[in-house]
Amino acid sequence: MKKLRRAVLKSLAAAAFLPAFAHAQGSPAPIRVAMIEGLSGGNANGGEAVFRNLVWAVERVNQRGGVRTREGARQLQLLRHDSKGQIEEALSAFRAAVDGGARVILQGNSSAVAAALIDAVNKHNEREPERRVVFLNYSAVDPILTNEKCSFWHFRFDAHADMRMTALMSVLREERAVKSVYLVGQDYSFGQAVLREARRQLAAQRPDVQVVGDELHPLLRIKDFAPYAAKIKASGADAVVTGNFSSDLTLLVKAAREAGFEGRFYTFYGNALGAPAAIGEAGVGKVVAVADWLPNWPSRESEAFYQEFRRRYPDPADDYVHMRMQLLVEALAKAIETAGTADAVPLARALEQVSVSFAGQSGRMRAADHQFQQPLVVGLMDRQGAPGVKFDVEGSGYGFRVVRTIQPQQAEMPHACRMVKP
């Protein structure tokens, strides 16, 4: 795996060099796109997964000649900045990225960081109009980011937490055997939003279900979830609803299984990053996950897309492909070509109207709040080889069968955005 990552970094460095060399010969300079993400710390594996997806998407654009602008064809140049998952580090990385010539910022694996970056981008763009940037968000799903904190410069390509909860609830509300649930979340804006919306939607759609626990815990700091698991088991809950990710999910599920909990887990991120392997056989028919796409999505285009990703990244540990990140890069390329430039104002206006299709998946940006509208799917964990589970996850022997597809118009929700535009 280390050899593969060195090869990826080497190829990326080469890709960065080639456009600069071409520019020296008179061709237009590359368009610098800066990923600001936690590449060390508690969610480093999530950050590296993002990077692999973005590398692959950018490679695809550049291999077909880059993007057409008024200056001519331009390559995309992906730069990586490690925020260590911390707000201050992310703000420092933002300043370094802008000083380095980036005019497109990408981030997502923390809603708290995303909120701080939105404020930083707003202030920067007002203070330095000649160096304005746009911010494309691929994973930060606190609903507030496209509601009260919405910004002309910010675009979210993931479904926000309330949309994801609606998709999960479409399955949970039909599980009549579930009479009680335990809510567990990470104690920051996203985790709080998940639990709040879970309570609201349960009250509206399953008023017969009792919430027997509602608990927040520190983000990516708990090493032993046994005390939480004991409370879940003692509560008599039939199911757990959680937005936890990374080690906070895998350690929670593992501890619950060891404590003898046999109910279902309704999760936002149970489909990868070590979770299926950590859960193992106990997760079969028990772990439910919502996503914008799953590898076992039943279509030829989807299967071909996934197999191409696996050829690009053959190490099973690198198996976490995000369709929305591919759509994000395709949407960025299309918007640049529509605007004829990567300058922030015309680019943002083009992004507001962008619609994109790729590998059988489609989505469109909603101009009113800059929330991307796309299908969602809910999957149920099962053994590889079971009906509907051709592909496993990360070589674990377990994958997710698609049990519910939610069309964009079903997932779409009202917004409270009052956007100020230049």
Foldseek 3Di string as FASTA:
>chain_A
DVVLVVVLVVVLVVVQVVQVVVVVVPADHAAEEEEEEACDALCNLVVVLLVLQLSVLQCVCVVVQAFFFPRGHHGYRYHYAHQNPDQVSSLVVVVVSLVVPHQEYEYEPELVNVLSVLVVLVVCCVVCVVSHHAYEYEHNALQCCLFVVFELRYAYLFHHLLLQVLQLCVVVLPPVVFQEEAEEEAPDRRRVSNLVSNVVVCCVRPVRHYYQYHDYDHASPDPACLVVLLSRVVSVGQEYEYADDAPVQLRNLLNNVVNPRLHAYEYAYCFANCNDLSNDPSQAQHYKYKALDFCLPPDPLSVVVQVVSCVSPVQLNSFDHHPSSSVVSVQQSVLCNVLSHNNRQSSSVSQCATWDDHSRWIWHAPNQRNYIFTKMWMWGKHFCPPVSRVDGHSPSRIGTHTDDIGGRVRSDDDHNDDYDGD
